[in-house]
């Protein structure tokens, strides 16, 4: 006798969590890290976003669309980190 399948978790939630974590990490790195170390820390932040994306999508437990969800999560995190780092770079050009 088989049991009915439970309603699956929302996969979009995992993607949004990764994006939010990348945004928070990018802003924190931009504020607290010196200019000469910023690129290194942004790369580490992106690596953390990729790992977080895998953890959340594996926790989701649904194989259908796994690669797509990972791609959307990491691409969005990369774009957010790039936009925030570009904003901090432009802000550094403005004379104080």
PDB file of N, CA and C in Angstrom:
ATOM      1  N   UNK A   1       0.845  -1.173   0.000  1.00  0.00           N
ATOM      2  CA  UNK A   1       0.000   0.000   0.000  1.00  0.00           C
ATOM      3  C   UNK A   1       0.888   1.233   0.000  1.00  0.00           C
ATOM      4  N   UNK A   2       0.645   2.109  -0.906  1.00  0.00           N
ATOM      5  CA  UNK A   2       1.476   3.318  -1.000  1.00  0.00           C
ATOM      6  C   UNK A   2       0.766   4.489  -0.322  1.00  0.00           C
ATOM      7  N   UNK A   3       1.587   5.360   0.231  1.00  0.00           N
ATOM      8  CA  UNK A   3       1.058   6.549   0.887  1.00  0.00           C
ATOM      9  C   UNK A   3       1.035   7.706  -0.102  1.00  0.00           C
ATOM     10  N   UNK A   4       0.091   8.604   0.038  1.00  0.00           N
ATOM     11  CA  UNK A   4       0.074   9.749  -0.885  1.00  0.00           C
ATOM     12  C   UNK A   4       1.291  10.638  -0.657  1.00  0.00           C
ATOM     13  N   UNK A   5       1.769  11.194  -1.744  1.00  0.00           N
ATOM     14  CA  UNK A   5       2.932  12.082  -1.665  1.00  0.00           C
ATOM     15  C   UNK A   5       2.542  13.379  -0.964  1.00  0.00           C
ATOM     16  N   UNK A   6       3.417  13.822  -0.109  1.00  0.00           N
ATOM     17  CA  UNK A   6       3.178  15.096   0.557  1.00  0.00           C
ATOM     18  C   UNK A   6       3.432  16.240  -0.413  1.00  0.00           C
ATOM     19  N   UNK A   7       2.887  17.363  -0.106  1.00  0.00           N
ATOM     20  CA  UNK A   7       3.105  18.536  -0.954  1.00  0.00           C
ATOM     21  C   UNK A   7       4.584  18.914  -0.884  1.00  0.00           C
ATOM     22  N   UNK A   8       5.240  19.094  -2.035  1.00  0.00           N
ATOM     23  CA  UNK A   8       6.675  19.413  -2.008  1.00  0.00           C
ATOM     24  C   UNK A   8       6.924  20.822  -1.471  1.00  0.00           C
ATOM     25  N   UNK A   9       8.124  21.001  -0.941  1.00  0.00           N
ATOM     26  CA  UNK A   9       8.513  22.327  -0.472  1.00  0.00           C
ATOM     27  C   UNK A   9       8.620  23.268  -1.662  1.00  0.00           C
ATOM     28  N   UNK A  10       8.575  24.555  -1.392  1.00  0.00           N
ATOM     29  CA  UNK A  10       8.677  25.551  -2.450  1.00  0.00           C
ATOM     30  C   UNK A  10      10.138  25.711  -2.854  1.00  0.00           C
ATOM     31  N   UNK A  11      10.466  25.385  -4.097  1.00  0.00           N
ATOM     32  CA  UNK A  11      11.845  25.468  -4.581  1.00  0.00           C
ATOM     33  C   UNK A  11      12.299  26.915  -4.738  1.00  0.00           C
ATOM     34  N   UNK A  12      11.374  27.814  -4.982  1.00  0.00           N
ATOM     35  CA  UNK A  12      11.731  29.217  -5.158  1.00  0.00           C
ATOM     36  C   UNK A  12      12.292  29.813  -3.868  1.00  0.00           C
ATOM     37  N   UNK A  13      11.868  29.304  -2.741  1.00  0.00           N
ATOM     38  CA  UNK A  13      12.369  29.791  -1.461  1.00  0.00           C
ATOM     39  C   UNK A  13      13.867  29.595  -1.328  1.00  0.00           C
ATOM     40  N   UNK A  14      14.374  28.448  -1.773  1.00  0.00           N
ATOM     41  CA  UNK A  14      15.810  28.196  -1.714  1.00  0.00           C
ATOM     42  C   UNK A  14      16.596  29.135  -2.601  1.00  0.00           C
ATOM     43  N   UNK A  15      16.057  29.456  -3.757  1.00  0.00           N
ATOM     44  CA  UNK A  15      16.718  30.384  -4.669  1.00  0.00           C
ATOM     45  C   UNK A  15      16.778  31.779  -4.055  1.00  0.00           C
ATOM     46  N   UNK A  16      15.689  32.216  -3.476  1.00  0.00           N
ATOM     47  CA  UNK A  16      15.636  33.551  -2.874  1.00  0.00           C
ATOM     48  C   UNK A  16      16.552  33.633  -1.657  1.00  0.00           C
ATOM     49  N   UNK A  17      16.649  32.549  -0.889  1.00  0.00           N
ATOM     50  CA  UNK A  17      17.561  32.546   0.258  1.00  0.00           C
ATOM     51  C   UNK A  17      19.003  32.721  -0.199  1.00  0.00           C
ATOM     52  N   UNK A  18      19.384  32.057  -1.274  1.00  0.00           N
ATOM     53  CA  UNK A  18      20.748  32.192  -1.800  1.00  0.00           C
ATOM     54  C   UNK A  18      20.991  33.619  -2.272  1.00  0.00           C
ATOM     55  N   UNK A  19      20.021  34.201  -2.960  1.00  0.00           N
ATOM     56  CA  UNK A  19      20.178  35.582  -3.426  1.00  0.00           C
ATOM     57  C   UNK A  19      20.292  36.545  -2.261  1.00  0.00           C
ATOM     58  N   UNK A  20      19.471  36.363  -1.248  1.00  0.00           N
ATOM     59  CA  UNK A  20      19.521  37.247  -0.080  1.00  0.00           C
ATOM     60  C   UNK A  20      20.854  37.107   0.646  1.00  0.00           C
ATOM     61  N   UNK A  21      21.342  35.885   0.777  1.00  0.00           N
ATOM     62  CA  UNK A  21      22.631  35.671   1.439  1.00  0.00           C
ATOM     63  C   UNK A  21      23.764  36.313   0.638  1.00  0.00           C
ATOM     64  N   UNK A  22      23.701  36.216  -0.686  1.00  0.00           N
ATOM     65  CA  UNK A  22      24.728  36.841  -1.533  1.00  0.00           C
ATOM     66  C   UNK A  22      24.676  38.357  -1.420  1.00  0.00           C
ATOM     67  N   UNK A  23      23.484  38.921  -1.371  1.00  0.00           N
ATOM     68  CA  UNK A  23      23.347  40.371  -1.235  1.00  0.00           C
ATOM     69  C   UNK A  23      23.880  40.852   0.114  1.00  0.00           C
ATOM     70  N   UNK A  24      23.529  40.151   1.177  1.00  0.00           N
ATOM     71  CA  UNK A  24      24.013  40.525   2.507  1.00  0.00           C
ATOM     72  C   UNK A  24      25.529  40.391   2.583  1.00  0.00           C
ATOM     73  N   UNK A  25      26.064  39.307   2.009  1.00  0.00           N
ATOM     74  CA  UNK A  25      27.513  39.109   2.015  1.00  0.00           C
ATOM     75  C   UNK A  25      28.212  40.201   1.211  1.00  0.00           C
ATOM     76  N   UNK A  26      27.670  40.571   0.058  1.00  0.00           N
ATOM     77  CA  UNK A  26      28.300  41.598  -0.777  1.00  0.00           C
ATOM     78  C   UNK A  26      28.318  42.947  -0.077  1.00  0.00           C
ATOM     79  N   UNK A  27      27.234  43.316   0.552  1.00  0.00           N
ATOM     80  CA  UNK A  27      27.186  44.599   1.255  1.00  0.00           C
ATOM     81  C   UNK A  27      28.124  44.587   2.458  1.00  0.00           C
ATOM     82  N   UNK A  28      28.151  43.477   3.205  1.00  0.00           N
ATOM     83  CA  UNK A  28      29.060  43.378   4.348  1.00  0.00           C
ATOM     84  C   UNK A  28      30.516  43.431   3.909  1.00  0.00           C
ATOM     85  N   UNK A  29      30.837  42.756   2.820  1.00  0.00           N
ATOM     86  CA  UNK A  29      32.203  42.784   2.294  1.00  0.00           C
ATOM     87  C   UNK A  29      32.564  44.189   1.837  1.00  0.00           C
ATOM     88  N   UNK A  30      31.647  44.855   1.162  1.00  0.00           N
ATOM     89  CA  UNK A  30      31.909  46.213   0.700  1.00  0.00           C
ATOM     90  C   UNK A  30      32.122  47.202   1.831  1.00  0.00           C
ATOM     91  N   UNK A  31      31.467  46.992   2.951  1.00  0.00           N
ATOM     92  CA  UNK A  31      31.578  47.919   4.075  1.00  0.00           C
ATOM     93  C   UNK A  31      32.792  47.606   4.946  1.00  0.00           C
ATOM     94  N   UNK A  32      33.005  46.332   5.266  1.00  0.00           N
ATOM     95  CA  UNK A  32      33.981  45.977   6.282  1.00  0.00           C
ATOM     96  C   UNK A  32      35.356  45.561   5.767  1.00  0.00           C
ATOM     97  N   UNK A  33      35.493  45.238   4.490  1.00  0.00           N
ATOM     98  CA  UNK A  33      36.763  44.733   3.959  1.00  0.00           C
ATOM     99  C   UNK A  33      37.507  45.873   3.269  1.00  0.00           C
ATOM    100  N   UNK A  34      38.821  45.979   3.502  1.00  0.00           N
ATOM    101  CA  UNK A  34      39.610  47.007   2.809  1.00  0.00           C
ATOM    102  C   UNK A  34      39.608  46.795   1.289  1.00  0.00           C
ATOM    103  N   UNK A  35      39.857  47.873   0.561  1.00  0.00           N
ATOM    104  CA  UNK A  35      39.767  47.822  -0.905  1.00  0.00           C
ATOM    105  C   UNK A  35      40.668  46.767  -1.531  1.00  0.00           C
ATOM    106  N   UNK A  36      41.881  46.597  -1.025  1.00  0.00           N
ATOM    107  CA  UNK A  36      42.818  45.667  -1.659  1.00  0.00           C
ATOM    108  C   UNK A  36      42.434  44.198  -1.448  1.00  0.00           C
ATOM    109  N   UNK A  37      41.564  43.901  -0.504  1.00  0.00           N
ATOM    110  CA  UNK A  37      41.138  42.526  -0.244  1.00  0.00           C
ATOM    111  C   UNK A  37      39.702  42.256  -0.713  1.00  0.00           C
ATOM    112  N   UNK A  38      39.058  43.231  -1.270  1.00  0.00           N
ATOM    113  CA  UNK A  38      37.633  43.112  -1.590  1.00  0.00           C
ATOM    114  C   UNK A  38      37.345  42.048  -2.647  1.00  0.00           C
ATOM    115  N   UNK A  39      38.170  41.978  -3.698  1.00  0.00           N
ATOM    116  CA  UNK A  39      37.917  40.999  -4.760  1.00  0.00           C
ATOM    117  C   UNK A  39      38.066  39.575  -4.234  1.00  0.00           C
ATOM    118  N   UNK A  40      39.068  39.352  -3.405  1.00  0.00           N
ATOM    119  CA  UNK A  40      39.272  38.027  -2.831  1.00  0.00           C
ATOM    120  C   UNK A  40      38.075  37.607  -1.985  1.00  0.00           C
ATOM    121  N   UNK A  41      37.588  38.516  -1.176  1.00  0.00           N
ATOM    122  CA  UNK A  41      36.447  38.194  -0.327  1.00  0.00           C
ATOM    123  C   UNK A  41      35.162  38.029  -1.138  1.00  0.00           C
ATOM    124  N   UNK A  42      35.025  38.777  -2.235  1.00  0.00           N
ATOM    125  CA  UNK A  42      33.854  38.582  -3.089  1.00  0.00           C
ATOM    126  C   UNK A  42      33.881  37.202  -3.740  1.00  0.00           C
ATOM    127  N   UNK A  43      35.063  36.735  -4.124  1.00  0.00           N
ATOM    128  CA  UNK A  43      35.170  35.378  -4.670  1.00  0.00           C
ATOM    129  C   UNK A  43      34.810  34.334  -3.617  1.00  0.00           C
ATOM    130  N   UNK A  44      35.264  34.543  -2.393  1.00  0.00           N
ATOM    131  CA  UNK A  44      34.891  33.630  -1.311  1.00  0.00           C
ATOM    132  C   UNK A  44      33.385  33.684  -1.035  1.00  0.00           C
ATOM    133  N   UNK A  45      32.819  34.872  -1.117  1.00  0.00           N
ATOM    134  CA  UNK A  45      31.369  35.010  -0.939  1.00  0.00           C
ATOM    135  C   UNK A  45      30.597  34.273  -2.018  1.00  0.00           C
ATOM    136  N   UNK A  46      31.088  34.321  -3.254  1.00  0.00           N
ATOM    137  CA  UNK A  46      30.428  33.599  -4.338  1.00  0.00           C
ATOM    138  C   UNK A  46      30.561  32.092  -4.137  1.00  0.00           C
ATOM    139  N   UNK A  47      31.722  31.653  -3.692  1.00  0.00           N
ATOM    140  CA  UNK A  47      31.885  30.228  -3.395  1.00  0.00           C
ATOM    141  C   UNK A  47      30.934  29.773  -2.307  1.00  0.00           C
ATOM    142  N   UNK A  48      30.754  30.606  -1.292  1.00  0.00           N
ATOM    143  CA  UNK A  48      29.794  30.283  -0.242  1.00  0.00           C
ATOM    144  C   UNK A  48      28.371  30.235  -0.770  1.00  0.00           C
ATOM    145  N   UNK A  49      28.041  31.127  -1.700  1.00  0.00           N
ATOM    146  CA  UNK A  49      26.701  31.118  -2.295  1.00  0.00           C
ATOM    147  C   UNK A  49      26.464  29.851  -3.109  1.00  0.00           C
ATOM    148  N   UNK A  50      27.487  29.392  -3.820  1.00  0.00           N
ATOM    149  CA  UNK A  50      27.351  28.152  -4.591  1.00  0.00           C
ATOM    150  C   UNK A  50      27.135  26.970  -3.650  1.00  0.00           C
ATOM    151  N   UNK A  51      27.932  26.907  -2.582  1.00  0.00           N
ATOM    152  CA  UNK A  51      27.763  25.819  -1.611  1.00  0.00           C
ATOM    153  C   UNK A  51      26.387  25.873  -0.949  1.00  0.00           C
ATOM    154  N   UNK A  52      25.954  27.073  -0.581  1.00  0.00           N
ATOM    155  CA  UNK A  52      24.627  27.225   0.016  1.00  0.00           C
ATOM    156  C   UNK A  52      23.538  26.795  -0.956  1.00  0.00           C
ATOM    157  N   UNK A  53      23.724  27.102  -2.221  1.00  0.00           N
ATOM    158  CA  UNK A  53      22.751  26.705  -3.234  1.00  0.00           C
ATOM    159  C   UNK A  53      22.636  25.185  -3.308  1.00  0.00           C
ATOM    160  N   UNK A  54      23.778  24.497  -3.324  1.00  0.00           N
ATOM    161  CA  UNK A  54      23.732  23.037  -3.353  1.00  0.00           C
ATOM    162  C   UNK A  54      23.082  22.468  -2.097  1.00  0.00           C
ATOM    163  N   UNK A  55      23.430  23.005  -0.945  1.00  0.00           N
ATOM    164  CA  UNK A  55      22.869  22.507   0.310  1.00  0.00           C
ATOM    165  C   UNK A  55      21.350  22.669   0.320  1.00  0.00           C
ATOM    166  N   UNK A  56      20.877  23.844  -0.056  1.00  0.00           N
ATOM    167  CA  UNK A  56      19.433  24.081  -0.018  1.00  0.00           C
ATOM    168  C   UNK A  56      18.680  23.227  -1.035  1.00  0.00           C
ATOM    169  N   UNK A  57      19.248  23.070  -2.228  1.00  0.00           N
ATOM    170  CA  UNK A  57      18.541  22.292  -3.247  1.00  0.00           C
ATOM    171  C   UNK A  57      18.602  20.801  -2.962  1.00  0.00           C
ATOM    172  N   UNK A  58      19.672  20.332  -2.319  1.00  0.00           N
ATOM    173  CA  UNK A  58      19.706  18.931  -1.911  1.00  0.00           C
ATOM    174  C   UNK A  58      18.745  18.686  -0.757  1.00  0.00           C
ATOM    175  N   UNK A  59      18.609  19.663   0.122  1.00  0.00           N
ATOM    176  CA  UNK A  59      17.659  19.555   1.226  1.00  0.00           C
ATOM    177  C   UNK A  59      16.228  19.527   0.694  1.00  0.00           C
ATOM    178  N   UNK A  60      16.006  20.237  -0.406  1.00  0.00           N
ATOM    179  CA  UNK A  60      14.678  20.268  -1.025  1.00  0.00           C
ATOM    180  C   UNK A  60      14.244  18.860  -1.413  1.00  0.00           C
ATOM    181  N   UNK A  61      15.185  18.054  -1.885  1.00  0.00           N
ATOM    182  CA  UNK A  61      14.913  16.647  -2.138  1.00  0.00           C
ATOM    183  C   UNK A  61      14.138  16.336  -3.395  1.00  0.00           C
ATOM    184  N   UNK A  62      14.097  17.223  -4.344  1.00  0.00           N
ATOM    185  CA  UNK A  62      13.376  17.000  -5.593  1.00  0.00           C
ATOM    186  C   UNK A  62      14.383  16.963  -6.736  1.00  0.00           C
ATOM    187  N   UNK A  63      14.413  15.888  -7.492  1.00  0.00           N
ATOM    188  CA  UNK A  63      15.396  15.769  -8.570  1.00  0.00           C
ATOM    189  C   UNK A  63      14.986  16.548  -9.820  1.00  0.00           C
ATOM    190  N   UNK A  64      13.712  16.676 -10.047  1.00  0.00           N
ATOM    191  CA  UNK A  64      13.243  17.370 -11.244  1.00  0.00           C
ATOM    192  C   UNK A  64      13.579  18.858 -11.148  1.00  0.00           C
ATOM    193  N   UNK A  65      14.345  19.367 -12.107  1.00  0.00           N
ATOM    194  CA  UNK A  65      14.705  20.776 -12.139  1.00  0.00           C
ATOM    195  C   UNK A  65      15.885  21.143 -11.269  1.00  0.00           C
ATOM    196  N   UNK A  66      16.629  20.155 -10.768  1.00  0.00           N
ATOM    197  CA  UNK A  66      17.749  20.425  -9.862  1.00  0.00           C
ATOM    198  C   UNK A  66      18.799  21.322 -10.522  1.00  0.00           C
ATOM    199  N   UNK A  67      19.224  20.970 -11.715  1.00  0.00           N
ATOM    200  CA  UNK A  67      20.263  21.744 -12.409  1.00  0.00           C
ATOM    201  C   UNK A  67      19.769  23.152 -12.698  1.00  0.00           C
ATOM    202  N   UNK A  68      18.525  23.293 -13.092  1.00  0.00           N
ATOM    203  CA  UNK A  68      17.972  24.617 -13.374  1.00  0.00           C
ATOM    204  C   UNK A  68      17.949  25.482 -12.118  1.00  0.00           C
ATOM    205  N   UNK A  69      17.526  24.905 -10.974  1.00  0.00           N
ATOM    206  CA  UNK A  69      17.479  25.667  -9.727  1.00  0.00           C
ATOM    207  C   UNK A  69      18.876  26.074  -9.268  1.00  0.00           C
ATOM    208  N   UNK A  70      19.851  25.181  -9.422  1.00  0.00           N
ATOM    209  CA  UNK A  70      21.233  25.516  -9.069  1.00  0.00           C
ATOM    210  C   UNK A  70      21.739  26.629  -9.973  1.00  0.00           C
ATOM    211  N   UNK A  71      21.457  26.529 -11.269  1.00  0.00           N
ATOM    212  CA  UNK A  71      21.910  27.547 -12.223  1.00  0.00           C
ATOM    213  C   UNK A  71      21.292  28.905 -11.926  1.00  0.00           C
ATOM    214  N   UNK A  72      20.011  28.929 -11.629  1.00  0.00           N
ATOM    215  CA  UNK A  72      19.335  30.194 -11.321  1.00  0.00           C
ATOM    216  C   UNK A  72      19.880  30.789 -10.028  1.00  0.00           C
ATOM    217  N   UNK A  73      20.089  29.951  -9.029  1.00  0.00           N
ATOM    218  CA  UNK A  73      20.608  30.433  -7.747  1.00  0.00           C
ATOM    219  C   UNK A  73      21.995  31.038  -7.899  1.00  0.00           C
ATOM    220  N   UNK A  74      22.894  30.311  -8.554  1.00  0.00           N
ATOM    221  CA  UNK A  74      24.274  30.783  -8.665  1.00  0.00           C
ATOM    222  C   UNK A  74      24.407  31.951  -9.629  1.00  0.00           C
ATOM    223  N   UNK A  75      23.645  31.945 -10.702  1.00  0.00           N
ATOM    224  CA  UNK A  75      23.707  33.073 -11.632  1.00  0.00           C
ATOM    225  C   UNK A  75      23.183  34.349 -10.983  1.00  0.00           C
ATOM    226  N   UNK A  76      22.095  34.242 -10.255  1.00  0.00           N
ATOM    227  CA  UNK A  76      21.558  35.402  -9.546  1.00  0.00           C
ATOM    228  C   UNK A  76      22.520  35.910  -8.487  1.00  0.00           C
ATOM    229  N   UNK A  77      23.172  34.992  -7.769  1.00  0.00           N
ATOM    230  CA  UNK A  77      24.152  35.389  -6.755  1.00  0.00           C
ATOM    231  C   UNK A  77      25.340  36.083  -7.409  1.00  0.00           C
ATOM    232  N   UNK A  78      25.790  35.560  -8.535  1.00  0.00           N
ATOM    233  CA  UNK A  78      26.910  36.182  -9.248  1.00  0.00           C
ATOM    234  C   UNK A  78      26.553  37.587  -9.727  1.00  0.00           C
ATOM    235  N   UNK A  79      25.360  37.750 -10.265  1.00  0.00           N
ATOM    236  CA  UNK A  79      24.921  39.072 -10.719  1.00  0.00           C
ATOM    237  C   UNK A  79      24.792  40.055  -9.557  1.00  0.00           C
ATOM    238  N   UNK A  80      24.236  39.601  -8.445  1.00  0.00           N
ATOM    239  CA  UNK A  80      24.112  40.481  -7.278  1.00  0.00           C
ATOM    240  C   UNK A  80      25.475  40.900  -6.747  1.00  0.00           C
ATOM    241  N   UNK A  81      26.396  39.947  -6.635  1.00  0.00           N
ATOM    242  CA  UNK A  81      27.741  40.277  -6.169  1.00  0.00           C
ATOM    243  C   UNK A  81      28.426  41.242  -7.134  1.00  0.00           C
ATOM    244  N   UNK A  82      28.226  41.050  -8.421  1.00  0.00           N
ATOM    245  CA  UNK A  82      28.833  41.940  -9.411  1.00  0.00           C
ATOM    246  C   UNK A  82      28.264  43.342  -9.370  1.00  0.00           C
ATOM    247  N   UNK A  83      26.960  43.459  -9.242  1.00  0.00           N
ATOM    248  CA  UNK A  83      26.334  44.781  -9.203  1.00  0.00           C
ATOM    249  C   UNK A  83      26.750  45.543  -7.944  1.00  0.00           C
ATOM    250  N   UNK A  84      26.755  44.861  -6.808  1.00  0.00           N
ATOM    251  CA  UNK A  84      27.139  45.530  -5.563  1.00  0.00           C
ATOM    252  C   UNK A  84      28.612  45.913  -5.590  1.00  0.00           C
ATOM    253  N   UNK A  85      29.463  45.046  -6.130  1.00  0.00           N
ATOM    254  CA  UNK A  85      30.888  45.394  -6.200  1.00  0.00           C
ATOM    255  C   UNK A  85      31.123  46.548  -7.177  1.00  0.00           C
ATOM    256  N   UNK A  86      30.369  46.600  -8.262  1.00  0.00           N
ATOM    257  CA  UNK A  86      30.482  47.729  -9.193  1.00  0.00           C
ATOM    258  C   UNK A  86      30.022  49.026  -8.529  1.00  0.00           C
ATOM    259  N   UNK A  87      28.982  48.944  -7.715  1.00  0.00           N
ATOM    260  CA  UNK A  87      28.519  50.142  -7.003  1.00  0.00           C
ATOM    261  C   UNK A  87      29.579  50.646  -6.014  1.00  0.00           C
ATOM    262  N   UNK A  88      30.219  49.730  -5.303  1.00  0.00           N
ATOM    263  CA  UNK A  88      31.283  50.137  -4.389  1.00  0.00           C
ATOM    264  C   UNK A  88      32.493  50.679  -5.151  1.00  0.00           C
ATOM    265  N   UNK A  89      32.793  50.118  -6.329  1.00  0.00           N
ATOM    266  CA  UNK A  89      33.896  50.626  -7.141  1.00  0.00           C
ATOM    267  C   UNK A  89      33.597  52.042  -7.634  1.00  0.00           C
ATOM    268  N   UNK A  90      32.369  52.287  -8.060  1.00  0.00           N
ATOM    269  CA  UNK A  90      32.000  53.641  -8.499  1.00  0.00           C
ATOM    270  C   UNK A  90      32.008  54.617  -7.326  1.00  0.00           C
ATOM    271  N   UNK A  91      31.603  54.145  -6.170  1.00  0.00           N
ATOM    272  CA  UNK A  91      31.617  55.004  -4.990  1.00  0.00           C
ATOM    273  C   UNK A  91      33.048  55.355  -4.579  1.00  0.00           C
ATOM    274  N   UNK A  92      33.995  54.461  -4.840  1.00  0.00           N
ATOM    275  CA  UNK A  92      35.388  54.732  -4.512  1.00  0.00           C
ATOM    276  C   UNK A  92      35.988  55.766  -5.437  1.00  0.00           C
ATOM    277  N   UNK A  93      35.415  55.957  -6.622  1.00  0.00           N
ATOM    278  CA  UNK A  93      35.934  56.941  -7.564  1.00  0.00           C
ATOM    279  C   UNK A  93      35.513  58.369  -7.202  1.00  0.00           C
ATOM    280  N   UNK A  94      34.453  58.503  -6.454  1.00  0.00           N
ATOM    281  CA  UNK A  94      33.946  59.821  -6.073  1.00  0.00           C
ATOM    282  C   UNK A  94      34.883  60.412  -5.026  1.00  0.00           C
ATOM    283  N   UNK A  95      35.396  61.629  -5.269  1.00  0.00           N
ATOM    284  CA  UNK A  95      36.292  62.223  -4.276  1.00  0.00           C
ATOM    285  C   UNK A  95      35.557  62.581  -2.991  1.00  0.00           C
ATOM    286  N   UNK A  96      36.220  62.347  -1.905  1.00  0.00           N
ATOM    287  CA  UNK A  96      35.595  62.615  -0.602  1.00  0.00           C
ATOM    288  C   UNK A  96      35.817  64.020  -0.145  1.00  0.00           C
TER     289      UNK A  96
END
